[in-house]
Amino acid sequence: MYNEGMNLCPSCHLQVRSTDYFCYNCGANLKPKPFSISIWRQLLLYIGSIVLVPFGIIWGIRYLRQPDTAAKIVGTITIIITIISTTLVTIYTINLLNDVQKQVNEGIEKQLQNVGY
C-alpha cells in the first residue's frame, strides 16, 4: 500500500515522506546535493588527478555514479588523466632507478679497478 506524498528510500525501501531529507530508518540521504561541474571544479579535479594520482580514480568514480551526463564526462576525463599520470610517473621512476643502479655499478667497478681486482 503506497500513500500519496510518500516515497521509497533507495537504500532500505521503506516509505518516507517526500519532504524528508534523510531516511528515518537507515539514514540515507534522500536529496543529495548534485556534484559541481563548474570550470573551476573541473580544473581542480584535473590538476588533482595529476598531482595526487591515486585520488583521481576515486574522484572519477564518484562523478561516474552521478545521473548527469556532464558529470559522467568529467569523471571519465578525470580517470583518463589519472591513468596517464600514473603511467608517466611509473616510467620516470623506473628510468630513475635504472640510472641510479647504473651509476652505482659504475662506481663499484671503478673502485674495484683502483684496488686491483
PDB file of N, CA and C in Angstrom:
ATOM      1  N   MET A   1       0.846  -1.167   0.000  1.00  0.00           N
ATOM      2  CA  MET A   1       0.000   0.000   0.000  1.00  0.00           C
ATOM      3  C   MET A   1       0.897   1.238   0.000  1.00  0.00           C
ATOM      4  N   TYR A   2       0.713   2.088  -0.975  1.00  0.00           N
ATOM      5  CA  TYR A   2       1.559   3.258  -1.176  1.00  0.00           C
ATOM      6  C   TYR A   2       0.716   4.507  -0.967  1.00  0.00           C
ATOM      7  N   ASN A   3       1.134   5.359  -0.036  1.00  0.00           N
ATOM      8  CA  ASN A   3       0.391   6.576   0.290  1.00  0.00           C
ATOM      9  C   ASN A   3       0.853   7.735  -0.576  1.00  0.00           C
ATOM     10  N   GLU A   4      -0.073   8.659  -0.882  1.00  0.00           N
ATOM     11  CA  GLU A   4       0.277   9.883  -1.606  1.00  0.00           C
ATOM     12  C   GLU A   4       1.235  10.710  -0.763  1.00  0.00           C
ATOM     13  N   GLY A   5       2.172  11.384  -1.394  1.00  0.00           N
ATOM     14  CA  GLY A   5       3.120  12.214  -0.670  1.00  0.00           C
ATOM     15  C   GLY A   5       4.219  11.408  -0.010  1.00  0.00           C
ATOM     16  N   MET A   6       4.318  10.130  -0.332  1.00  0.00           N
ATOM     17  CA  MET A   6       5.338   9.259   0.250  1.00  0.00           C
ATOM     18  C   MET A   6       6.231   8.740  -0.875  1.00  0.00           C
ATOM     19  N   ASN A   7       7.482   8.545  -0.555  1.00  0.00           N
ATOM     20  CA  ASN A   7       8.455   7.974  -1.482  1.00  0.00           C
ATOM     21  C   ASN A   7       9.097   6.763  -0.821  1.00  0.00           C
ATOM     22  N   LEU A   8       9.856   6.009  -1.600  1.00  0.00           N
ATOM     23  CA  LEU A   8      10.592   4.876  -1.051  1.00  0.00           C
ATOM     24  C   LEU A   8      12.060   5.258  -0.898  1.00  0.00           C
ATOM     25  N   CYS A   9      12.644   4.849   0.205  1.00  0.00           N
ATOM     26  CA  CYS A   9      14.072   5.051   0.431  1.00  0.00           C
ATOM     27  C   CYS A   9      14.840   4.181  -0.568  1.00  0.00           C
ATOM     28  N   PRO A  10      15.834   4.733  -1.266  1.00  0.00           N
ATOM     29  CA  PRO A  10      16.586   3.929  -2.236  1.00  0.00           C
ATOM     30  C   PRO A  10      17.465   2.855  -1.585  1.00  0.00           C
ATOM     31  N   SER A  11      17.747   3.004  -0.286  1.00  0.00           N
ATOM     32  CA  SER A  11      18.611   2.038   0.390  1.00  0.00           C
ATOM     33  C   SER A  11      17.826   0.901   1.042  1.00  0.00           C
ATOM     34  N   CYS A  12      16.868   1.266   1.898  1.00  0.00           N
ATOM     35  CA  CYS A  12      16.155   0.222   2.655  1.00  0.00           C
ATOM     36  C   CYS A  12      14.737  -0.022   2.144  1.00  0.00           C
ATOM     37  N   HIS A  13      14.258   0.773   1.199  1.00  0.00           N
ATOM     38  CA  HIS A  13      12.974   0.615   0.528  1.00  0.00           C
ATOM     39  C   HIS A  13      11.767   0.766   1.440  1.00  0.00           C
ATOM     40  N   LEU A  14      11.926   1.502   2.537  1.00  0.00           N
ATOM     41  CA  LEU A  14      10.787   1.832   3.388  1.00  0.00           C
ATOM     42  C   LEU A  14      10.192   3.146   2.911  1.00  0.00           C
ATOM     43  N   GLN A  15       8.910   3.344   3.228  1.00  0.00           N
ATOM     44  CA  GLN A  15       8.266   4.588   2.840  1.00  0.00           C
ATOM     45  C   GLN A  15       8.782   5.743   3.691  1.00  0.00           C
ATOM     46  N   VAL A  16       9.071   6.849   3.026  1.00  0.00           N
ATOM     47  CA  VAL A  16       9.486   8.074   3.695  1.00  0.00           C
ATOM     48  C   VAL A  16       8.663   9.213   3.112  1.00  0.00           C
ATOM     49  N   ARG A  17       8.529  10.279   3.885  1.00  0.00           N
ATOM     50  CA  ARG A  17       7.781  11.430   3.384  1.00  0.00           C
ATOM     51  C   ARG A  17       8.569  12.120   2.280  1.00  0.00           C
ATOM     52  N   SER A  18       7.871  12.731   1.354  1.00  0.00           N
ATOM     53  CA  SER A  18       8.546  13.418   0.251  1.00  0.00           C
ATOM     54  C   SER A  18       9.296  14.652   0.731  1.00  0.00           C
ATOM     55  N   THR A  19       8.994  15.127   1.924  1.00  0.00           N
ATOM     56  CA  THR A  19       9.676  16.298   2.474  1.00  0.00           C
ATOM     57  C   THR A  19      10.912  15.933   3.289  1.00  0.00           C
ATOM     58  N   ASP A  20      11.118  14.647   3.547  1.00  0.00           N
ATOM     59  CA  ASP A  20      12.272  14.201   4.328  1.00  0.00           C
ATOM     60  C   ASP A  20      13.566  14.341   3.519  1.00  0.00           C
ATOM     61  N   TYR A  21      14.617  14.735   4.220  1.00  0.00           N
ATOM     62  CA  TYR A  21      15.929  14.813   3.599  1.00  0.00           C
ATOM     63  C   TYR A  21      16.749  13.556   3.851  1.00  0.00           C
ATOM     64  N   PHE A  22      16.459  12.860   4.934  1.00  0.00           N
ATOM     65  CA  PHE A  22      17.157  11.624   5.286  1.00  0.00           C
ATOM     66  C   PHE A  22      16.134  10.567   5.665  1.00  0.00           C
ATOM     67  N   CYS A  23      16.450   9.307   5.410  1.00  0.00           N
ATOM     68  CA  CYS A  23      15.582   8.197   5.794  1.00  0.00           C
ATOM     69  C   CYS A  23      15.638   8.037   7.309  1.00  0.00           C
ATOM     70  N   TYR A  24      14.478   7.954   7.930  1.00  0.00           N
ATOM     71  CA  TYR A  24      14.431   7.799   9.390  1.00  0.00           C
ATOM     72  C   TYR A  24      14.879   6.411   9.824  1.00  0.00           C
ATOM     73  N   ASN A  25      14.889   5.447   8.901  1.00  0.00           N
ATOM     74  CA  ASN A  25      15.257   4.076   9.246  1.00  0.00           C
ATOM     75  C   ASN A  25      16.769   3.834   9.101  1.00  0.00           C
ATOM     76  N   CYS A  26      17.320   4.169   7.928  1.00  0.00           N
ATOM     77  CA  CYS A  26      18.727   3.838   7.671  1.00  0.00           C
ATOM     78  C   CYS A  26      19.634   5.068   7.593  1.00  0.00           C
ATOM     79  N   GLY A  27      19.063   6.255   7.528  1.00  0.00           N
ATOM     80  CA  GLY A  27      19.859   7.475   7.494  1.00  0.00           C
ATOM     81  C   GLY A  27      20.358   7.866   6.115  1.00  0.00           C
ATOM     82  N   ALA A  28      19.881   7.195   5.072  1.00  0.00           N
ATOM     83  CA  ALA A  28      20.324   7.507   3.714  1.00  0.00           C
ATOM     84  C   ALA A  28      19.903   8.925   3.330  1.00  0.00           C
ATOM     85  N   ASN A  29      20.759   9.592   2.602  1.00  0.00           N
ATOM     86  CA  ASN A  29      20.474  10.938   2.117  1.00  0.00           C
ATOM     87  C   ASN A  29      19.486  10.827   0.954  1.00  0.00           C
ATOM     88  N   LEU A  30      18.288  11.366   1.140  1.00  0.00           N
ATOM     89  CA  LEU A  30      17.238  11.248   0.136  1.00  0.00           C
ATOM     90  C   LEU A  30      17.314  12.338  -0.930  1.00  0.00           C
ATOM     91  N   LYS A  31      17.987  13.434  -0.628  1.00  0.00           N
ATOM     92  CA  LYS A  31      18.111  14.540  -1.584  1.00  0.00           C
ATOM     93  C   LYS A  31      19.573  14.989  -1.635  1.00  0.00           C
ATOM     94  N   PRO A  32      20.444  14.150  -2.203  1.00  0.00           N
ATOM     95  CA  PRO A  32      21.858  14.517  -2.223  1.00  0.00           C
ATOM     96  C   PRO A  32      22.104  15.727  -3.117  1.00  0.00           C
ATOM     97  N   LYS A  33      23.077  16.525  -2.716  1.00  0.00           N
ATOM     98  CA  LYS A  33      23.462  17.700  -3.483  1.00  0.00           C
ATOM     99  C   LYS A  33      24.182  17.230  -4.742  1.00  0.00           C
ATOM    100  N   PRO A  34      23.806  17.747  -5.907  1.00  0.00           N
ATOM    101  CA  PRO A  34      24.488  17.313  -7.142  1.00  0.00           C
ATOM    102  C   PRO A  34      25.937  17.785  -7.158  1.00  0.00           C
ATOM    103  N   PHE A  35      26.789  17.006  -7.792  1.00  0.00           N
ATOM    104  CA  PHE A  35      28.199  17.344  -7.877  1.00  0.00           C
ATOM    105  C   PHE A  35      28.377  18.538  -8.799  1.00  0.00           C
ATOM    106  N   SER A  36      29.290  19.417  -8.425  1.00  0.00           N
ATOM    107  CA  SER A  36      29.571  20.606  -9.215  1.00  0.00           C
ATOM    108  C   SER A  36      30.401  20.231 -10.441  1.00  0.00           C
ATOM    109  N   ILE A  37      30.022  20.790 -11.588  1.00  0.00           N
ATOM    110  CA  ILE A  37      30.805  20.584 -12.804  1.00  0.00           C
ATOM    111  C   ILE A  37      31.222  21.934 -13.391  1.00  0.00           C
ATOM    112  N   SER A  38      31.394  22.919 -12.516  1.00  0.00           N
ATOM    113  CA  SER A  38      31.858  24.219 -12.973  1.00  0.00           C
ATOM    114  C   SER A  38      33.279  24.088 -13.518  1.00  0.00           C
ATOM    115  N   ILE A  39      33.685  25.064 -14.300  1.00  0.00           N
ATOM    116  CA  ILE A  39      35.012  25.010 -14.913  1.00  0.00           C
ATOM    117  C   ILE A  39      36.110  24.991 -13.859  1.00  0.00           C
ATOM    118  N   TRP A  40      35.918  25.722 -12.763  1.00  0.00           N
ATOM    119  CA  TRP A  40      36.925  25.743 -11.694  1.00  0.00           C
ATOM    120  C   TRP A  40      37.010  24.395 -10.996  1.00  0.00           C
ATOM    121  N   ARG A  41      35.860  23.777 -10.776  1.00  0.00           N
ATOM    122  CA  ARG A  41      35.849  22.452 -10.138  1.00  0.00           C
ATOM    123  C   ARG A  41      36.528  21.432 -11.046  1.00  0.00           C
ATOM    124  N   GLN A  42      36.262  21.533 -12.345  1.00  0.00           N
ATOM    125  CA  GLN A  42      36.898  20.621 -13.288  1.00  0.00           C
ATOM    126  C   GLN A  42      38.418  20.807 -13.280  1.00  0.00           C
ATOM    127  N   LEU A  43      38.868  22.062 -13.286  1.00  0.00           N
ATOM    128  CA  LEU A  43      40.307  22.314 -13.241  1.00  0.00           C
ATOM    129  C   LEU A  43      40.936  21.737 -11.983  1.00  0.00           C
ATOM    130  N   LEU A  44      40.260  21.911 -10.845  1.00  0.00           N
ATOM    131  CA  LEU A  44      40.776  21.341  -9.595  1.00  0.00           C
ATOM    132  C   LEU A  44      40.856  19.815  -9.678  1.00  0.00           C
ATOM    133  N   LEU A  45      39.826  19.200 -10.240  1.00  0.00           N
ATOM    134  CA  LEU A  45      39.830  17.739 -10.381  1.00  0.00           C
ATOM    135  C   LEU A  45      40.972  17.276 -11.286  1.00  0.00           C
ATOM    136  N   TYR A  46      41.146  17.945 -12.409  1.00  0.00           N
ATOM    137  CA  TYR A  46      42.160  17.518 -13.372  1.00  0.00           C
ATOM    138  C   TYR A  46      43.571  17.741 -12.828  1.00  0.00           C
ATOM    139  N   ILE A  47      43.794  18.883 -12.192  1.00  0.00           N
ATOM    140  CA  ILE A  47      45.106  19.141 -11.593  1.00  0.00           C
ATOM    141  C   ILE A  47      45.355  18.166 -10.437  1.00  0.00           C
ATOM    142  N   GLY A  48      44.315  17.929  -9.629  1.00  0.00           N
ATOM    143  CA  GLY A  48      44.441  16.966  -8.537  1.00  0.00           C
ATOM    144  C   GLY A  48      44.730  15.569  -9.039  1.00  0.00           C
ATOM    145  N   SER A  49      44.178  15.222 -10.202  1.00  0.00           N
ATOM    146  CA  SER A  49      44.422  13.898 -10.786  1.00  0.00           C
ATOM    147  C   SER A  49      45.869  13.742 -11.237  1.00  0.00           C
ATOM    148  N   ILE A  50      46.499  14.863 -11.582  1.00  0.00           N
ATOM    149  CA  ILE A  50      47.906  14.814 -11.988  1.00  0.00           C
ATOM    150  C   ILE A  50      48.817  14.781 -10.767  1.00  0.00           C
ATOM    151  N   VAL A  51      48.509  15.616  -9.781  1.00  0.00           N
ATOM    152  CA  VAL A  51      49.380  15.770  -8.614  1.00  0.00           C
ATOM    153  C   VAL A  51      49.144  14.674  -7.577  1.00  0.00           C
ATOM    154  N   LEU A  52      47.910  14.363  -7.307  1.00  0.00           N
ATOM    155  CA  LEU A  52      47.548  13.347  -6.303  1.00  0.00           C
ATOM    156  C   LEU A  52      46.973  12.130  -7.022  1.00  0.00           C
ATOM    157  N   VAL A  53      47.842  11.417  -7.685  1.00  0.00           N
ATOM    158  CA  VAL A  53      47.453  10.387  -8.648  1.00  0.00           C
ATOM    159  C   VAL A  53      46.385   9.408  -8.144  1.00  0.00           C
ATOM    160  N   PRO A  54      46.522   8.745  -7.032  1.00  0.00           N
ATOM    161  CA  PRO A  54      45.513   7.731  -6.711  1.00  0.00           C
ATOM    162  C   PRO A  54      44.127   8.308  -6.438  1.00  0.00           C
ATOM    163  N   PHE A  55      44.047   9.546  -5.982  1.00  0.00           N
ATOM    164  CA  PHE A  55      42.753  10.115  -5.656  1.00  0.00           C
ATOM    165  C   PHE A  55      41.915  10.393  -6.898  1.00  0.00           C
ATOM    166  N   GLY A  56      42.551  10.577  -8.043  1.00  0.00           N
ATOM    167  CA  GLY A  56      41.820  10.821  -9.278  1.00  0.00           C
ATOM    168  C   GLY A  56      40.864   9.696  -9.620  1.00  0.00           C
ATOM    169  N   ILE A  57      41.254   8.467  -9.327  1.00  0.00           N
ATOM    170  CA  ILE A  57      40.371   7.320  -9.582  1.00  0.00           C
ATOM    171  C   ILE A  57      39.123   7.427  -8.706  1.00  0.00           C
ATOM    172  N   ILE A  58      39.315   7.730  -7.437  1.00  0.00           N
ATOM    173  CA  ILE A  58      38.183   7.835  -6.501  1.00  0.00           C
ATOM    174  C   ILE A  58      37.249   8.966  -6.921  1.00  0.00           C
ATOM    175  N   TRP A  59      37.834  10.131  -7.228  1.00  0.00           N
ATOM    176  CA  TRP A  59      37.006  11.267  -7.646  1.00  0.00           C
ATOM    177  C   TRP A  59      36.272  10.954  -8.934  1.00  0.00           C
ATOM    178  N   GLY A  60      36.951  10.315  -9.873  1.00  0.00           N
ATOM    179  CA  GLY A  60      36.329   9.967 -11.153  1.00  0.00           C
ATOM    180  C   GLY A  60      35.172   9.013 -10.982  1.00  0.00           C
ATOM    181  N   ILE A  61      35.328   8.026 -10.118  1.00  0.00           N
ATOM    182  CA  ILE A  61      34.247   7.062  -9.878  1.00  0.00           C
ATOM    183  C   ILE A  61      33.043   7.759  -9.255  1.00  0.00           C
ATOM    184  N   ARG A  62      33.287   8.691  -8.341  1.00  0.00           N
ATOM    185  CA  ARG A  62      32.178   9.432  -7.737  1.00  0.00           C
ATOM    186  C   ARG A  62      31.390  10.204  -8.790  1.00  0.00           C
ATOM    187  N   TYR A  63      32.088  10.806  -9.720  1.00  0.00           N
ATOM    188  CA  TYR A  63      31.402  11.549 -10.781  1.00  0.00           C
ATOM    189  C   TYR A  63      30.721  10.601 -11.768  1.00  0.00           C
ATOM    190  N   LEU A  64      31.295   9.446 -12.023  1.00  0.00           N
ATOM    191  CA  LEU A  64      30.668   8.474 -12.925  1.00  0.00           C
ATOM    192  C   LEU A  64      29.347   7.939 -12.368  1.00  0.00           C
ATOM    193  N   ARG A  65      29.204   7.923 -11.075  1.00  0.00           N
ATOM    194  CA  ARG A  65      27.981   7.414 -10.437  1.00  0.00           C
ATOM    195  C   ARG A  65      26.825   8.412 -10.478  1.00  0.00           C
ATOM    196  N   GLN A  66      27.084   9.638 -10.903  1.00  0.00           N
ATOM    197  CA  GLN A  66      26.035  10.655 -10.952  1.00  0.00           C
ATOM    198  C   GLN A  66      25.131  10.417 -12.165  1.00  0.00           C
ATOM    199  N   PRO A  67      23.859  10.787 -12.053  1.00  0.00           N
ATOM    200  CA  PRO A  67      22.942  10.574 -13.183  1.00  0.00           C
ATOM    201  C   PRO A  67      23.166  11.543 -14.340  1.00  0.00           C
ATOM    202  N   ASP A  68      23.806  12.670 -14.086  1.00  0.00           N
ATOM    203  CA  ASP A  68      24.028  13.704 -15.093  1.00  0.00           C
ATOM    204  C   ASP A  68      25.105  13.268 -16.082  1.00  0.00           C
ATOM    205  N   THR A  69      24.850  13.444 -17.374  1.00  0.00           N
ATOM    206  CA  THR A  69      25.806  13.054 -18.409  1.00  0.00           C
ATOM    207  C   THR A  69      27.078  13.892 -18.337  1.00  0.00           C
ATOM    208  N   ALA A  70      26.940  15.186 -18.058  1.00  0.00           N
ATOM    209  CA  ALA A  70      28.117  16.052 -17.960  1.00  0.00           C
ATOM    210  C   ALA A  70      29.027  15.599 -16.816  1.00  0.00           C
ATOM    211  N   ALA A  71      28.448  15.178 -15.708  1.00  0.00           N
ATOM    212  CA  ALA A  71      29.240  14.678 -14.585  1.00  0.00           C
ATOM    213  C   ALA A  71      29.965  13.390 -14.972  1.00  0.00           C
ATOM    214  N   LYS A  72      29.310  12.542 -15.741  1.00  0.00           N
ATOM    215  CA  LYS A  72      29.950  11.306 -16.194  1.00  0.00           C
ATOM    216  C   LYS A  72      31.145  11.604 -17.102  1.00  0.00           C
ATOM    217  N   ILE A  73      31.020  12.628 -17.936  1.00  0.00           N
ATOM    218  CA  ILE A  73      32.127  13.012 -18.814  1.00  0.00           C
ATOM    219  C   ILE A  73      33.299  13.520 -17.982  1.00  0.00           C
ATOM    220  N   VAL A  74      33.011  14.354 -16.977  1.00  0.00           N
ATOM    221  CA  VAL A  74      34.070  14.855 -16.086  1.00  0.00           C
ATOM    222  C   VAL A  74      34.746  13.681 -15.377  1.00  0.00           C
ATOM    223  N   GLY A  75      33.960  12.717 -14.905  1.00  0.00           N
ATOM    224  CA  GLY A  75      34.532  11.541 -14.243  1.00  0.00           C
ATOM    225  C   GLY A  75      35.413  10.721 -15.158  1.00  0.00           C
ATOM    226  N   THR A  76      34.977  10.547 -16.398  1.00  0.00           N
ATOM    227  CA  THR A  76      35.760   9.785 -17.369  1.00  0.00           C
ATOM    228  C   THR A  76      37.088  10.479 -17.667  1.00  0.00           C
ATOM    229  N   ILE A  77      37.042  11.799 -17.879  1.00  0.00           N
ATOM    230  CA  ILE A  77      38.264  12.555 -18.150  1.00  0.00           C
ATOM    231  C   ILE A  77      39.206  12.486 -16.955  1.00  0.00           C
ATOM    232  N   THR A  78      38.652  12.585 -15.750  1.00  0.00           N
ATOM    233  CA  THR A  78      39.472  12.518 -14.544  1.00  0.00           C
ATOM    234  C   THR A  78      40.192  11.174 -14.451  1.00  0.00           C
ATOM    235  N   ILE A  79      39.494  10.102 -14.733  1.00  0.00           N
ATOM    236  CA  ILE A  79      40.105   8.768 -14.675  1.00  0.00           C
ATOM    237  C   ILE A  79      41.164   8.610 -15.763  1.00  0.00           C
ATOM    238  N   ILE A  80      40.898   9.116 -16.958  1.00  0.00           N
ATOM    239  CA  ILE A  80      41.879   9.026 -18.044  1.00  0.00           C
ATOM    240  C   ILE A  80      43.147   9.798 -17.682  1.00  0.00           C
ATOM    241  N   ILE A  81      42.984  11.006 -17.154  1.00  0.00           N
ATOM    242  CA  ILE A  81      44.153  11.793 -16.747  1.00  0.00           C
ATOM    243  C   ILE A  81      44.933  11.061 -15.653  1.00  0.00           C
ATOM    244  N   THR A  82      44.222  10.442 -14.724  1.00  0.00           N
ATOM    245  CA  THR A  82      44.882   9.707 -13.643  1.00  0.00           C
ATOM    246  C   THR A  82      45.675   8.524 -14.184  1.00  0.00           C
ATOM    247  N   ILE A  83      45.114   7.807 -15.138  1.00  0.00           N
ATOM    248  CA  ILE A  83      45.815   6.656 -15.722  1.00  0.00           C
ATOM    249  C   ILE A  83      47.059   7.116 -16.475  1.00  0.00           C
ATOM    250  N   ILE A  84      46.941   8.208 -17.230  1.00  0.00           N
ATOM    251  CA  ILE A  84      48.100   8.731 -17.953  1.00  0.00           C
ATOM    252  C   ILE A  84      49.173   9.197 -16.965  1.00  0.00           C
ATOM    253  N   SER A  85      48.760   9.900 -15.918  1.00  0.00           N
ATOM    254  CA  SER A  85      49.717  10.370 -14.907  1.00  0.00           C
ATOM    255  C   SER A  85      50.415   9.198 -14.222  1.00  0.00           C
ATOM    256  N   THR A  86      49.655   8.181 -13.887  1.00  0.00           N
ATOM    257  CA  THR A  86      50.225   7.000 -13.238  1.00  0.00           C
ATOM    258  C   THR A  86      51.248   6.326 -14.149  1.00  0.00           C
ATOM    259  N   THR A  87      50.918   6.217 -15.418  1.00  0.00           N
ATOM    260  CA  THR A  87      51.833   5.594 -16.377  1.00  0.00           C
ATOM    261  C   THR A  87      53.129   6.397 -16.499  1.00  0.00           C
ATOM    262  N   LEU A  88      52.993   7.725 -16.626  1.00  0.00           N
ATOM    263  CA  LEU A  88      54.189   8.569 -16.750  1.00  0.00           C
ATOM    264  C   LEU A  88      55.056   8.524 -15.493  1.00  0.00           C
ATOM    265  N   VAL A  89      54.428   8.579 -14.325  1.00  0.00           N
ATOM    266  CA  VAL A  89      55.187   8.520 -13.073  1.00  0.00           C
ATOM    267  C   VAL A  89      55.905   7.175 -12.963  1.00  0.00           C
ATOM    268  N   THR A  90      55.253   6.106 -13.350  1.00  0.00           N
ATOM    269  CA  THR A  90      55.867   4.775 -13.303  1.00  0.00           C
ATOM    270  C   THR A  90      57.069   4.695 -14.243  1.00  0.00           C
ATOM    271  N   ILE A  91      56.903   5.199 -15.460  1.00  0.00           N
ATOM    272  CA  ILE A  91      58.006   5.162 -16.431  1.00  0.00           C
ATOM    273  C   ILE A  91      59.195   5.982 -15.933  1.00  0.00           C
ATOM    274  N   TYR A  92      58.940   7.198 -15.459  1.00  0.00           N
ATOM    275  CA  TYR A  92      60.034   8.041 -14.968  1.00  0.00           C
ATOM    276  C   TYR A  92      60.698   7.440 -13.731  1.00  0.00           C
ATOM    277  N   THR A  93      59.932   6.807 -12.867  1.00  0.00           N
ATOM    278  CA  THR A  93      60.516   6.179 -11.680  1.00  0.00           C
ATOM    279  C   THR A  93      61.412   5.009 -12.064  1.00  0.00           C
ATOM    280  N   ILE A  94      60.965   4.193 -12.993  1.00  0.00           N
ATOM    281  CA  ILE A  94      61.778   3.055 -13.448  1.00  0.00           C
ATOM    282  C   ILE A  94      63.062   3.549 -14.096  1.00  0.00           C
ATOM    283  N   ASN A  95      62.958   4.588 -14.942  1.00  0.00           N
ATOM    284  CA  ASN A  95      64.164   5.139 -15.577  1.00  0.00           C
ATOM    285  C   ASN A  95      65.123   5.716 -14.541  1.00  0.00           C
ATOM    286  N   LEU A  96      64.602   6.417 -13.545  1.00  0.00           N
ATOM    287  CA  LEU A  96      65.449   6.965 -12.490  1.00  0.00           C
ATOM    288  C   LEU A  96      66.167   5.857 -11.723  1.00  0.00           C
ATOM    289  N   LEU A  97      65.429   4.813 -11.359  1.00  0.00           N
ATOM    290  CA  LEU A  97      66.039   3.700 -10.631  1.00  0.00           C
ATOM    291  C   LEU A  97      67.105   3.005 -11.468  1.00  0.00           C
ATOM    292  N   ASN A  98      66.850   2.846 -12.764  1.00  0.00           N
ATOM    293  CA  ASN A  98      67.850   2.230 -13.645  1.00  0.00           C
ATOM    294  C   ASN A  98      69.097   3.097 -13.745  1.00  0.00           C
ATOM    295  N   ASP A  99      68.926   4.418 -13.839  1.00  0.00           N
ATOM    296  CA  ASP A  99      70.074   5.324 -13.899  1.00  0.00           C
ATOM    297  C   ASP A  99      70.886   5.278 -12.609  1.00  0.00           C
ATOM    298  N   VAL A 100      70.214   5.264 -11.481  1.00  0.00           N
ATOM    299  CA  VAL A 100      70.909   5.192 -10.196  1.00  0.00           C
ATOM    300  C   VAL A 100      71.660   3.874 -10.083  1.00  0.00           C
ATOM    301  N   GLN A 101      71.016   2.782 -10.481  1.00  0.00           N
ATOM    302  CA  GLN A 101      71.679   1.479 -10.419  1.00  0.00           C
ATOM    303  C   GLN A 101      72.898   1.448 -11.339  1.00  0.00           C
ATOM    304  N   LYS A 102      72.797   2.039 -12.519  1.00  0.00           N
ATOM    305  CA  LYS A 102      73.916   2.090 -13.456  1.00  0.00           C
ATOM    306  C   LYS A 102      75.080   2.887 -12.866  1.00  0.00           C
ATOM    307  N   GLN A 103      74.782   4.034 -12.254  1.00  0.00           N
ATOM    308  CA  GLN A 103      75.833   4.847 -11.648  1.00  0.00           C
ATOM    309  C   GLN A 103      76.493   4.135 -10.482  1.00  0.00           C
ATOM    310  N   VAL A 104      75.711   3.449  -9.678  1.00  0.00           N
ATOM    311  CA  VAL A 104      76.278   2.708  -8.543  1.00  0.00           C
ATOM    312  C   VAL A 104      77.179   1.594  -9.052  1.00  0.00           C
ATOM    313  N   ASN A 105      76.722   0.875 -10.073  1.00  0.00           N
ATOM    314  CA  ASN A 105      77.539  -0.208 -10.627  1.00  0.00           C
ATOM    315  C   ASN A 105      78.834   0.325 -11.226  1.00  0.00           C
ATOM    316  N   GLU A 106      78.774   1.467 -11.923  1.00  0.00           N
ATOM    317  CA  GLU A 106      79.991   2.062 -12.484  1.00  0.00           C
ATOM    318  C   GLU A 106      80.937   2.505 -11.374  1.00  0.00           C
ATOM    319  N   GLY A 107      80.396   3.054 -10.304  1.00  0.00           N
ATOM    320  CA  GLY A 107      81.224   3.457  -9.169  1.00  0.00           C
ATOM    321  C   GLY A 107      81.908   2.278  -8.519  1.00  0.00           C
ATOM    322  N   ILE A 108      81.193   1.179  -8.372  1.00  0.00           N
ATOM    323  CA  ILE A 108      81.776  -0.031  -7.780  1.00  0.00           C
ATOM    324  C   ILE A 108      82.868  -0.586  -8.686  1.00  0.00           C
ATOM    325  N   GLU A 109      82.632  -0.594 -10.004  1.00  0.00           N
ATOM    326  CA  GLU A 109      83.640  -1.098 -10.946  1.00  0.00           C
ATOM    327  C   GLU A 109      84.907  -0.245 -10.883  1.00  0.00           C
ATOM    328  N   LYS A 110      84.774   1.063 -10.793  1.00  0.00           N
ATOM    329  CA  LYS A 110      85.953   1.941 -10.706  1.00  0.00           C
ATOM    330  C   LYS A 110      86.728   1.687  -9.428  1.00  0.00           C
ATOM    331  N   GLN A 111      86.020   1.484  -8.327  1.00  0.00           N
ATOM    332  CA  GLN A 111      86.689   1.213  -7.049  1.00  0.00           C
ATOM    333  C   GLN A 111      87.414  -0.122  -7.112  1.00  0.00           C
ATOM    334  N   LEU A 112      86.772  -1.121  -7.751  1.00  0.00           N
ATOM    335  CA  LEU A 112      87.423  -2.431  -7.867  1.00  0.00           C
ATOM    336  C   LEU A 112      88.660  -2.330  -8.757  1.00  0.00           C
ATOM    337  N   GLN A 113      88.615  -1.515  -9.814  1.00  0.00           N
ATOM    338  CA  GLN A 113      89.777  -1.353 -10.690  1.00  0.00           C
ATOM    339  C   GLN A 113      90.903  -0.640  -9.945  1.00  0.00           C
ATOM    340  N   ASN A 114      90.579   0.311  -9.092  1.00  0.00           N
ATOM    341  CA  ASN A 114      91.608   1.018  -8.325  1.00  0.00           C
ATOM    342  C   ASN A 114      92.277   0.106  -7.305  1.00  0.00           C
ATOM    343  N   VAL A 115      91.490  -0.837  -6.783  1.00  0.00           N
ATOM    344  CA  VAL A 115      92.036  -1.759  -5.795  1.00  0.00           C
ATOM    345  C   VAL A 115      92.876  -2.831  -6.489  1.00  0.00           C
ATOM    346  N   GLY A 116      92.565  -3.150  -7.744  1.00  0.00           N
ATOM    347  CA  GLY A 116      93.351  -4.131  -8.484  1.00  0.00           C
ATOM    348  C   GLY A 116      92.623  -5.408  -8.772  1.00  0.00           C
ATOM    349  N   TYR A 117      91.313  -5.438  -8.680  1.00  0.00           N
ATOM    350  CA  TYR A 117      90.578  -6.665  -8.987  1.00  0.00           C
ATOM    351  C   TYR A 117      90.289  -6.783 -10.442  1.00  0.00           C
TER     352      TYR A 117
END
